[in-house]
Protein backbone atom coordinates (compact mmCIF):
# COMPACT_ATOMS: atom_id res chain seq x y z
CA MET A 1 83.27 127.68 207.44
CA ILE A 2 80.33 128.59 209.59
CA PHE A 3 76.92 129.38 208.18
CA LEU A 4 74.64 131.20 210.53
CA SER A 5 71.21 132.62 210.06
CA PHE A 6 70.30 135.94 211.65
CA ASP A 7 67.21 134.80 213.59
CA TYR A 8 69.46 133.43 216.41
CA ASN A 9 69.78 135.52 219.36
CA ARG A 10 73.23 136.57 220.56
CA ASP A 11 73.54 133.87 223.29
CA LYS A 12 72.89 131.00 220.95
CA LEU A 13 75.17 132.52 218.35
CA ARG A 14 77.92 132.80 220.92
CA LEU A 15 77.53 129.21 221.94
CA ILE A 16 77.78 128.03 218.35
CA VAL A 17 80.94 129.97 217.79
CA GLU A 18 82.51 128.68 221.05
CA LYS A 19 81.75 125.07 220.17
CA TYR A 20 83.38 125.51 216.79
CA GLU A 21 86.52 127.22 218.27
CA ASN A 22 86.88 124.41 220.91
CA ARG A 23 86.57 121.72 218.28
CA LYS A 24 89.21 123.44 216.15
CA ALA A 25 91.57 123.74 219.02
CA GLU A 26 91.22 120.06 219.87
CA LYS A 27 92.44 119.01 216.39
CA GLN A 28 95.59 121.08 216.67
CA MET A 29 96.86 119.62 219.98
CA PRO A 30 99.39 116.69 219.81
CA LYS A 31 98.50 113.51 221.62
CA GLU A 32 100.92 111.99 224.13
CA ILE A 33 101.60 108.23 224.05
CA ILE A 34 102.73 106.47 227.27
CA ASP A 35 103.02 102.95 226.04
CA GLU A 36 105.99 101.80 223.98
CA ASN A 37 104.11 99.19 222.02
CA GLN A 38 101.36 101.68 221.04
CA PHE A 39 104.14 103.91 219.61
CA ILE A 40 105.48 101.06 217.51
CA GLU A 41 102.03 100.23 216.17
CA LEU A 42 101.33 103.88 215.31
CA SER A 43 104.73 104.03 213.49
CA LYS A 44 103.36 101.61 210.92
CA ILE A 45 100.79 104.22 209.73
CA ALA A 46 102.93 107.33 210.32
CA ILE A 47 104.33 109.52 207.58
CA HIS A 48 107.56 110.26 209.52
CA CYS A 49 109.07 110.37 212.96
CA ARG A 50 110.95 113.45 214.22
CA VAL A 51 113.61 112.90 216.87
CA LYS A 52 114.43 115.78 219.22
CA ARG A 53 117.30 114.98 221.52
CA GLY A 54 117.80 116.76 224.80
CA LYS A 55 120.55 116.40 227.50
CA GLU A 56 118.67 113.77 229.52
CA ASP A 57 115.69 112.75 227.33
CA VAL A 58 114.47 112.23 223.79
CA LYS A 59 111.17 113.31 222.24
CA LEU A 60 109.93 111.18 219.42
CA LYS A 61 107.09 112.77 217.43
CA LEU A 62 105.04 110.65 214.98
CA ARG A 63 103.21 112.48 212.21
CA THR A 64 100.12 110.74 210.76
CA LYS A 65 97.60 112.20 208.41
CA LYS A 66 95.29 113.42 211.21
CA TYR A 67 97.36 113.67 214.45
CA LEU A 68 100.77 114.30 215.88
CA TYR A 69 101.72 111.78 218.51
CA THR A 70 104.58 112.38 220.98
CA TYR A 71 106.52 110.01 223.13
CA LYS A 72 109.11 111.10 225.70
CA THR A 73 111.73 108.68 226.84
CA ASP A 74 115.39 108.25 227.88
CA ILE A 75 118.21 108.08 225.43
CA LYS A 76 118.85 104.31 225.47
CA THR A 77 115.19 103.39 225.04
CA ALA A 78 114.87 105.93 222.24
CA ASP A 79 117.71 104.35 220.14
CA ASP A 80 116.09 100.95 220.57
CA LEU A 81 112.70 102.36 219.38
CA ILE A 82 114.21 104.18 216.41
CA ASN A 83 115.61 100.85 215.21
CA LYS A 84 112.16 99.20 215.47
CA ILE A 85 109.93 101.74 213.76
CA ASP A 86 108.99 101.46 210.07
CA CYS A 87 108.55 105.14 208.98
CA SER A 88 111.18 107.60 207.84
CA ILE A 89 113.20 109.40 210.57
CA ILE A 90 114.10 113.07 210.75
CA GLU A 91 116.69 114.20 213.30
CA LEU A 92 116.19 117.71 214.66
C-alpha cells in the first residue's frame, strides 16, 4: 500500500511509484542456484521441491517462505540430489 501526499510534484511522484513497482517485481522473480551444495543446504529450510523432467535435463524448484530457488541439471545428477534433500518432493 502506498501513501502519498499531494504536495509532491509529478516527477517525484513518478519516481516513488517506479521504485515501488521495481521492488515488487524483484520479490516475484525466482533465484537460480548454480552450486549443488547450496541447493542441498537450502532444501533443509524449504517447504517442498518440485521436479520438472524434460528430455535432456531436470529442473528442481525449491519453495521457501520467501523465495523460489531453481536448479537445472542433468537426469543422473538430479536423481542423486532428490535422494539427498530433506523436504517433500512433488513430481510435475
